[in-house]
Amino acid sequence: MDSRTRGQFIRDKLARGLLPFDPIPRFWGAAGRGEPCSGCDEIVTEREPLVEGIRPGETGQLVHFHIECFYLWSHARRRWVKNHGGSSEVAITL
């Protein structure tokens, strides 16, 4: 999947409330373990680095990202909040 497609997929997930708008206060890196990326839904293989963190506001639910998807998510969520007056309210329209 190319960067443009990943970015659109992540923006769509944000709009539908499937990814958090709040920052992840702590995250860490590791090697992938075959889990699906929370951003693009593709598998993060054992040969790929993984960014992992605990989803804000939810007890213990982990999010896993390819590095690129983590940066795309981070940029998209900040842009959403900036463009909507600091509100993290979800709008279903894209």
C-alpha atoms as a PDB file:
ATOM      1  CA  MET A   1       0.000   0.000   0.000  1.00  0.00           C
ATOM      2  CA  ASP A   2       1.457   3.400  -0.905  1.00  0.00           C
ATOM      3  CA  SER A   3       1.677   6.407   1.451  1.00  0.00           C
ATOM      4  CA  ARG A   4      -1.246   8.243  -0.110  1.00  0.00           C
ATOM      5  CA  THR A   5      -3.543   5.221   0.279  1.00  0.00           C
ATOM      6  CA  ARG A   6      -2.362   4.628   3.863  1.00  0.00           C
ATOM      7  CA  GLY A   7      -3.008   8.275   4.710  1.00  0.00           C
ATOM      8  CA  GLN A   8      -6.537   8.164   3.296  1.00  0.00           C
ATOM      9  CA  PHE A   9      -7.256   4.921   5.135  1.00  0.00           C
ATOM     10  CA  ILE A  10      -6.081   6.480   8.407  1.00  0.00           C
ATOM     11  CA  ARG A  11      -8.096   9.700   7.876  1.00  0.00           C
ATOM     12  CA  ASP A  12     -11.159   7.580   7.184  1.00  0.00           C
ATOM     13  CA  LYS A  13     -10.605   5.612  10.408  1.00  0.00           C
ATOM     14  CA  LEU A  14     -10.245   8.858  12.362  1.00  0.00           C
ATOM     15  CA  ALA A  15     -13.469  10.198  10.864  1.00  0.00           C
ATOM     16  CA  ARG A  16     -15.297   7.013  11.867  1.00  0.00           C
ATOM     17  CA  GLY A  17     -13.856   7.080  15.388  1.00  0.00           C
ATOM     18  CA  LEU A  18     -11.797   3.920  14.903  1.00  0.00           C
ATOM     19  CA  LEU A  19      -8.496   5.591  15.794  1.00  0.00           C
ATOM     20  CA  PRO A  20      -7.903   7.936  18.751  1.00  0.00           C
ATOM     21  CA  PHE A  21      -7.671  11.695  18.330  1.00  0.00           C
ATOM     22  CA  ASP A  22      -5.854  12.116  21.634  1.00  0.00           C
ATOM     23  CA  PRO A  23      -2.098  11.652  21.650  1.00  0.00           C
ATOM     24  CA  ILE A  24      -0.656   8.437  22.953  1.00  0.00           C
ATOM     25  CA  PRO A  25       1.226   9.581  26.077  1.00  0.00           C
ATOM     26  CA  ARG A  26       3.740   6.734  25.971  1.00  0.00           C
ATOM     27  CA  PHE A  27       4.709   4.550  23.095  1.00  0.00           C
ATOM     28  CA  TRP A  28       7.593   2.240  22.362  1.00  0.00           C
ATOM     29  CA  GLY A  29       9.206   0.459  19.481  1.00  0.00           C
ATOM     30  CA  ALA A  30       9.750  -3.219  18.902  1.00  0.00           C
ATOM     31  CA  ALA A  31      10.013  -5.702  16.081  1.00  0.00           C
ATOM     32  CA  GLY A  32       6.690  -6.654  14.551  1.00  0.00           C
ATOM     33  CA  ARG A  33       5.109  -9.882  15.705  1.00  0.00           C
ATOM     34  CA  GLY A  34       2.605 -10.434  12.938  1.00  0.00           C
ATOM     35  CA  GLU A  35      -0.105  -8.168  14.355  1.00  0.00           C
ATOM     36  CA  PRO A  36      -2.287  -5.981  12.118  1.00  0.00           C
ATOM     37  CA  CYS A  37      -1.420  -2.300  11.956  1.00  0.00           C
ATOM     38  CA  SER A  38      -4.112  -0.165  13.621  1.00  0.00           C
ATOM     39  CA  GLY A  39      -3.683   2.369  10.831  1.00  0.00           C
ATOM     40  CA  CYS A  40      -3.674   0.407   7.574  1.00  0.00           C
ATOM     41  CA  ASP A  41      -4.764  -3.082   8.746  1.00  0.00           C
ATOM     42  CA  GLU A  42      -1.794  -4.707   7.000  1.00  0.00           C
ATOM     43  CA  ILE A  43       0.357  -7.110   9.004  1.00  0.00           C
ATOM     44  CA  VAL A  44       3.498  -5.736  10.680  1.00  0.00           C
ATOM     45  CA  THR A  45       5.954  -8.507   9.912  1.00  0.00           C
ATOM     46  CA  GLU A  46       8.814  -9.701  12.071  1.00  0.00           C
ATOM     47  CA  ARG A  47      11.216  -7.869   9.760  1.00  0.00           C
ATOM     48  CA  GLU A  48       9.481  -4.499  10.224  1.00  0.00           C
ATOM     49  CA  PRO A  49       9.760  -2.100  13.145  1.00  0.00           C
ATOM     50  CA  LEU A  50       6.567  -1.541  15.126  1.00  0.00           C
ATOM     51  CA  VAL A  51       5.345   1.448  17.141  1.00  0.00           C
ATOM     52  CA  GLU A  52       3.064   0.347  19.958  1.00  0.00           C
ATOM     53  CA  GLY A  53       1.207   2.205  22.689  1.00  0.00           C
ATOM     54  CA  ILE A  54      -1.832   2.091  24.922  1.00  0.00           C
ATOM     55  CA  ARG A  55      -4.855   3.756  23.368  1.00  0.00           C
ATOM     56  CA  PRO A  56      -5.811   6.848  25.387  1.00  0.00           C
ATOM     57  CA  GLY A  57      -9.030   6.646  27.373  1.00  0.00           C
ATOM     58  CA  GLU A  58      -9.318   2.886  27.124  1.00  0.00           C
ATOM     59  CA  THR A  59      -7.989   0.388  29.603  1.00  0.00           C
ATOM     60  CA  GLY A  60      -5.182  -1.633  28.218  1.00  0.00           C
ATOM     61  CA  GLN A  61      -6.144  -1.591  24.539  1.00  0.00           C
ATOM     62  CA  LEU A  62      -2.960  -1.496  22.503  1.00  0.00           C
ATOM     63  CA  VAL A  63      -2.526   0.174  19.152  1.00  0.00           C
ATOM     64  CA  HIS A  64       0.130  -1.089  16.761  1.00  0.00           C
ATOM     65  CA  PHE A  65       1.466   0.897  13.834  1.00  0.00           C
ATOM     66  CA  HIS A  66       3.989   0.608  11.067  1.00  0.00           C
ATOM     67  CA  ILE A  67       6.348   3.546  11.620  1.00  0.00           C
ATOM     68  CA  GLU A  68       4.950   5.313   8.551  1.00  0.00           C
ATOM     69  CA  CYS A  69       1.356   4.756   9.695  1.00  0.00           C
ATOM     70  CA  PHE A  70       2.177   6.109  13.161  1.00  0.00           C
ATOM     71  CA  TYR A  71       3.472   9.350  11.644  1.00  0.00           C
ATOM     72  CA  LEU A  72       0.525   9.582   9.239  1.00  0.00           C
ATOM     73  CA  TRP A  73      -1.912   9.060  12.142  1.00  0.00           C
ATOM     74  CA  SER A  74      -0.111  11.594  14.333  1.00  0.00           C
ATOM     75  CA  HIS A  75      -0.165  14.229  11.585  1.00  0.00           C
ATOM     76  CA  ALA A  76      -3.790  13.554  10.605  1.00  0.00           C
ATOM     77  CA  ARG A  77      -5.131  13.700  14.173  1.00  0.00           C
ATOM     78  CA  ARG A  78      -3.273  16.961  14.947  1.00  0.00           C
ATOM     79  CA  ARG A  79      -4.500  18.477  11.695  1.00  0.00           C
ATOM     80  CA  TRP A  80      -8.090  17.440  12.484  1.00  0.00           C
ATOM     81  CA  VAL A  81      -7.980  19.028  15.940  1.00  0.00           C
ATOM     82  CA  LYS A  82      -6.364  22.217  14.567  1.00  0.00           C
ATOM     83  CA  ASN A  83      -8.922  22.558  11.761  1.00  0.00           C
ATOM     84  CA  HIS A  84     -11.870  21.950  14.091  1.00  0.00           C
ATOM     85  CA  GLY A  85     -11.082  24.540  16.739  1.00  0.00           C
ATOM     86  CA  GLY A  86      -9.340  22.218  19.150  1.00  0.00           C
ATOM     87  CA  SER A  87     -12.289  19.841  19.205  1.00  0.00           C
ATOM     88  CA  SER A  88     -11.705  16.146  18.863  1.00  0.00           C
ATOM     89  CA  GLU A  89     -15.365  15.537  18.087  1.00  0.00           C
ATOM     90  CA  VAL A  90     -15.765  12.985  15.334  1.00  0.00           C
ATOM     91  CA  ALA A  91     -17.618  13.923  12.173  1.00  0.00           C
ATOM     92  CA  ILE A  92     -18.683  11.108   9.918  1.00  0.00           C
ATOM     93  CA  THR A  93     -18.441  13.190   6.750  1.00  0.00           C
ATOM     94  CA  LEU A  94     -15.088  13.040   4.988  1.00  0.00           C
END
